[in-house]
């Protein structure tokens, strides 16, 4: 994904306006996904177990990246915008 998406985006950009979702849209999508997951978890024990494992991994990973990468990435994105 990280290797191929930049080139794909550049190919798309010729004639297509690329934009990002506003935060409220992402929050709405996230809430809908959480609701969907809750339904799956309540109806299927195998999915519940798998989801619990994946959520534990994601939460630990997010905690790590928040400390290790977030500030650097944010700073680099800001610096790259400056002329």
N, C-alpha and C. Protein backbone atom coordinates (compact mmCIF):
# COMPACT_ATOMS: atom_id res chain seq x y z
N UNK A 1 0.82 -1.18 0.00
CA UNK A 1 0.00 0.00 0.00
C UNK A 1 0.87 1.25 0.00
N UNK A 2 1.83 1.33 0.92
CA UNK A 2 2.65 2.54 0.99
C UNK A 2 3.54 2.70 -0.23
N UNK A 3 3.92 1.60 -0.86
CA UNK A 3 4.79 1.67 -2.03
C UNK A 3 4.02 2.03 -3.30
N UNK A 4 2.80 1.55 -3.44
CA UNK A 4 2.07 1.73 -4.70
C UNK A 4 1.06 2.88 -4.68
N UNK A 5 0.53 3.24 -3.54
CA UNK A 5 -0.50 4.27 -3.49
C UNK A 5 -0.04 5.66 -3.95
N UNK A 6 1.19 6.09 -3.62
CA UNK A 6 1.59 7.42 -4.11
C UNK A 6 1.58 7.52 -5.63
N UNK A 7 2.11 6.50 -6.32
CA UNK A 7 2.09 6.52 -7.78
C UNK A 7 0.67 6.47 -8.32
N UNK A 8 -0.17 5.65 -7.69
CA UNK A 8 -1.57 5.55 -8.13
C UNK A 8 -2.28 6.89 -7.94
N UNK A 9 -2.00 7.57 -6.84
CA UNK A 9 -2.63 8.86 -6.60
C UNK A 9 -2.17 9.89 -7.64
N UNK A 10 -0.89 9.85 -7.99
CA UNK A 10 -0.40 10.78 -9.00
C UNK A 10 -1.04 10.51 -10.36
N UNK A 11 -1.25 9.24 -10.70
CA UNK A 11 -1.93 8.92 -11.96
C UNK A 11 -3.37 9.43 -11.92
N UNK A 12 -4.02 9.25 -10.78
CA UNK A 12 -5.40 9.70 -10.63
C UNK A 12 -5.50 11.22 -10.70
N UNK A 13 -4.50 11.90 -10.20
CA UNK A 13 -4.55 13.36 -10.06
C UNK A 13 -4.64 14.08 -11.40
N UNK A 14 -4.31 13.42 -12.49
CA UNK A 14 -4.42 14.11 -13.77
C UNK A 14 -5.88 14.15 -14.19
N UNK A 15 -6.54 15.27 -13.88
CA UNK A 15 -7.94 15.44 -14.24
C UNK A 15 -8.91 15.15 -13.12
N UNK A 16 -8.43 14.71 -11.97
CA UNK A 16 -9.32 14.39 -10.85
C UNK A 16 -8.89 15.22 -9.64
N UNK A 17 -9.85 15.84 -8.98
CA UNK A 17 -9.55 16.58 -7.76
C UNK A 17 -9.51 15.59 -6.59
N UNK A 18 -8.39 15.53 -5.92
CA UNK A 18 -8.24 14.63 -4.78
C UNK A 18 -8.42 15.46 -3.51
N UNK A 19 -9.27 14.98 -2.63
CA UNK A 19 -9.49 15.68 -1.36
C UNK A 19 -9.60 14.64 -0.25
N UNK A 20 -9.59 15.12 0.97
CA UNK A 20 -9.70 14.23 2.13
C UNK A 20 -11.09 14.37 2.75
N UNK A 21 -11.51 13.36 3.47
CA UNK A 21 -12.77 13.44 4.19
C UNK A 21 -12.62 14.43 5.34
N UNK A 22 -13.63 15.25 5.57
CA UNK A 22 -13.59 16.13 6.75
C UNK A 22 -13.71 15.28 8.02
N UNK A 23 -13.19 15.79 9.13
CA UNK A 23 -13.22 15.02 10.38
C UNK A 23 -14.61 14.51 10.77
N UNK A 24 -15.67 15.30 10.55
CA UNK A 24 -17.00 14.84 10.96
C UNK A 24 -17.44 13.63 10.13
N UNK A 25 -17.03 13.55 8.89
CA UNK A 25 -17.37 12.39 8.06
C UNK A 25 -16.63 11.16 8.58
N UNK A 26 -15.35 11.32 8.89
CA UNK A 26 -14.57 10.19 9.42
C UNK A 26 -15.16 9.73 10.75
N UNK A 27 -15.55 10.68 11.61
CA UNK A 27 -16.16 10.30 12.89
C UNK A 27 -17.47 9.54 12.68
N UNK A 28 -18.27 9.94 11.70
CA UNK A 28 -19.53 9.24 11.40
C UNK A 28 -19.26 7.83 10.89
N UNK A 29 -18.28 7.70 9.99
CA UNK A 29 -17.91 6.38 9.47
C UNK A 29 -17.42 5.49 10.61
N UNK A 30 -16.58 6.05 11.48
CA UNK A 30 -16.04 5.29 12.61
C UNK A 30 -17.17 4.81 13.52
N UNK A 31 -18.11 5.69 13.84
CA UNK A 31 -19.24 5.31 14.70
C UNK A 31 -20.08 4.22 14.05
N UNK A 32 -20.32 4.32 12.76
CA UNK A 32 -21.09 3.29 12.05
C UNK A 32 -20.35 1.95 12.07
N UNK A 33 -19.04 2.00 11.89
CA UNK A 33 -18.25 0.76 11.93
C UNK A 33 -18.32 0.13 13.32
N UNK A 34 -18.20 0.95 14.37
CA UNK A 34 -18.27 0.42 15.73
C UNK A 34 -19.62 -0.24 16.00
N UNK A 35 -20.66 0.38 15.50
CA UNK A 35 -22.00 -0.19 15.66
C UNK A 35 -22.11 -1.52 14.91
N UNK A 36 -21.57 -1.57 13.73
CA UNK A 36 -21.58 -2.80 12.93
C UNK A 36 -20.79 -3.91 13.65
N UNK A 37 -19.59 -3.56 14.14
CA UNK A 37 -18.78 -4.54 14.85
C UNK A 37 -19.51 -5.07 16.08
N UNK A 38 -20.18 -4.18 16.81
CA UNK A 38 -20.91 -4.61 18.01
C UNK A 38 -21.97 -5.64 17.66
N UNK A 39 -22.66 -5.44 16.55
CA UNK A 39 -23.66 -6.41 16.11
C UNK A 39 -23.03 -7.75 15.77
N UNK A 40 -21.92 -7.72 15.06
CA UNK A 40 -21.23 -8.96 14.71
C UNK A 40 -20.72 -9.69 15.95
N UNK A 41 -20.13 -8.92 16.87
CA UNK A 41 -19.57 -9.50 18.09
C UNK A 41 -20.66 -10.16 18.93
N UNK A 42 -21.81 -9.52 19.01
CA UNK A 42 -22.89 -10.06 19.86
C UNK A 42 -23.53 -11.30 19.26
N UNK A 43 -23.34 -11.51 17.96
CA UNK A 43 -24.01 -12.64 17.33
C UNK A 43 -23.08 -13.79 16.93
N UNK A 44 -21.76 -13.61 17.13
CA UNK A 44 -20.84 -14.64 16.67
C UNK A 44 -19.61 -14.70 17.58
N UNK A 45 -19.48 -15.80 18.32
CA UNK A 45 -18.40 -15.93 19.30
C UNK A 45 -17.02 -15.93 18.62
N UNK A 46 -16.90 -16.56 17.46
CA UNK A 46 -15.61 -16.59 16.77
C UNK A 46 -15.19 -15.18 16.36
N UNK A 47 -16.14 -14.40 15.86
CA UNK A 47 -15.84 -13.02 15.49
C UNK A 47 -15.50 -12.21 16.75
N UNK A 48 -16.21 -12.45 17.83
CA UNK A 48 -15.94 -11.74 19.08
C UNK A 48 -14.51 -12.00 19.55
N UNK A 49 -14.07 -13.24 19.49
CA UNK A 49 -12.71 -13.58 19.92
C UNK A 49 -11.67 -12.95 18.99
N UNK A 50 -11.91 -13.06 17.71
CA UNK A 50 -10.98 -12.48 16.75
C UNK A 50 -10.92 -10.96 16.89
N UNK A 51 -12.06 -10.33 17.03
CA UNK A 51 -12.11 -8.88 17.17
C UNK A 51 -11.37 -8.44 18.43
N UNK A 52 -11.57 -9.16 19.54
CA UNK A 52 -10.91 -8.79 20.79
C UNK A 52 -9.39 -8.83 20.62
N UNK A 53 -8.90 -9.85 19.94
CA UNK A 53 -7.46 -9.96 19.70
C UNK A 53 -6.97 -8.83 18.81
N UNK A 54 -7.69 -8.55 17.74
CA UNK A 54 -7.29 -7.48 16.82
C UNK A 54 -7.37 -6.11 17.50
N UNK A 55 -8.40 -5.91 18.32
CA UNK A 55 -8.55 -4.63 19.01
C UNK A 55 -7.41 -4.42 20.00
N UNK A 56 -7.03 -5.47 20.71
CA UNK A 56 -5.92 -5.38 21.65
C UNK A 56 -4.64 -4.99 20.91
N UNK A 57 -4.38 -5.64 19.78
CA UNK A 57 -3.21 -5.32 18.97
C UNK A 57 -3.28 -3.87 18.49
N UNK A 58 -4.43 -3.46 17.95
CA UNK A 58 -4.60 -2.11 17.43
C UNK A 58 -4.39 -1.06 18.52
N UNK A 59 -4.95 -1.31 19.70
CA UNK A 59 -4.84 -0.33 20.78
C UNK A 59 -3.39 -0.16 21.22
N UNK A 60 -2.66 -1.28 21.34
CA UNK A 60 -1.24 -1.21 21.72
C UNK A 60 -0.43 -0.53 20.61
N UNK A 61 -0.72 -0.87 19.38
CA UNK A 61 -0.01 -0.31 18.24
C UNK A 61 -0.25 1.20 18.16
N UNK A 62 -1.48 1.61 18.37
CA UNK A 62 -1.83 3.03 18.33
C UNK A 62 -1.10 3.79 19.43
N UNK A 63 -1.04 3.21 20.60
CA UNK A 63 -0.34 3.83 21.72
C UNK A 63 1.14 4.03 21.37
N UNK A 64 1.74 3.00 20.78
CA UNK A 64 3.14 3.10 20.36
C UNK A 64 3.32 4.20 19.31
N UNK A 65 2.50 4.17 18.26
CA UNK A 65 2.67 5.14 17.17
C UNK A 65 2.38 6.57 17.61
N UNK A 66 1.50 6.71 18.58
CA UNK A 66 1.22 8.05 19.09
C UNK A 66 2.49 8.64 19.71
N UNK A 67 3.27 7.80 20.38
CA UNK A 67 4.51 8.27 21.00
C UNK A 67 5.66 8.30 20.00
N UNK A 68 5.74 7.31 19.13
CA UNK A 68 6.90 7.17 18.26
C UNK A 68 6.81 7.96 16.96
N UNK A 69 5.64 8.05 16.36
CA UNK A 69 5.54 8.59 15.01
C UNK A 69 4.69 9.85 14.86
N UNK A 70 3.68 10.00 15.65
CA UNK A 70 2.68 11.05 15.42
C UNK A 70 3.31 12.43 15.34
N UNK A 71 4.10 12.80 16.34
CA UNK A 71 4.66 14.15 16.37
C UNK A 71 5.60 14.36 15.18
N UNK A 72 6.42 13.37 14.88
CA UNK A 72 7.34 13.48 13.74
C UNK A 72 6.55 13.63 12.44
N UNK A 73 5.56 12.76 12.22
CA UNK A 73 4.76 12.82 10.99
C UNK A 73 4.05 14.16 10.85
N UNK A 74 3.46 14.64 11.93
CA UNK A 74 2.75 15.92 11.89
C UNK A 74 3.71 17.06 11.56
N UNK A 75 4.86 17.05 12.20
CA UNK A 75 5.85 18.08 11.93
C UNK A 75 6.32 18.04 10.48
N UNK A 76 6.63 16.85 9.99
CA UNK A 76 7.11 16.73 8.61
C UNK A 76 6.04 17.15 7.60
N UNK A 77 4.79 16.81 7.84
CA UNK A 77 3.72 17.24 6.94
C UNK A 77 3.60 18.75 6.94
N UNK A 78 3.73 19.38 8.10
CA UNK A 78 3.66 20.83 8.19
C UNK A 78 4.85 21.47 7.48
N UNK A 79 6.05 20.94 7.70
CA UNK A 79 7.23 21.51 7.06
C UNK A 79 7.19 21.37 5.55
N UNK A 80 6.64 20.27 5.05
CA UNK A 80 6.58 20.04 3.61
C UNK A 80 5.60 21.00 2.92
N UNK A 81 4.67 21.58 3.66
CA UNK A 81 3.72 22.54 3.09
C UNK A 81 4.34 23.91 2.88
N UNK A 82 5.39 24.19 3.62
CA UNK A 82 6.01 25.51 3.53
C UNK A 82 6.81 25.62 2.22
N UNK A 83 6.71 26.78 1.58
CA UNK A 83 7.45 26.96 0.31
C UNK A 83 8.95 26.95 0.49
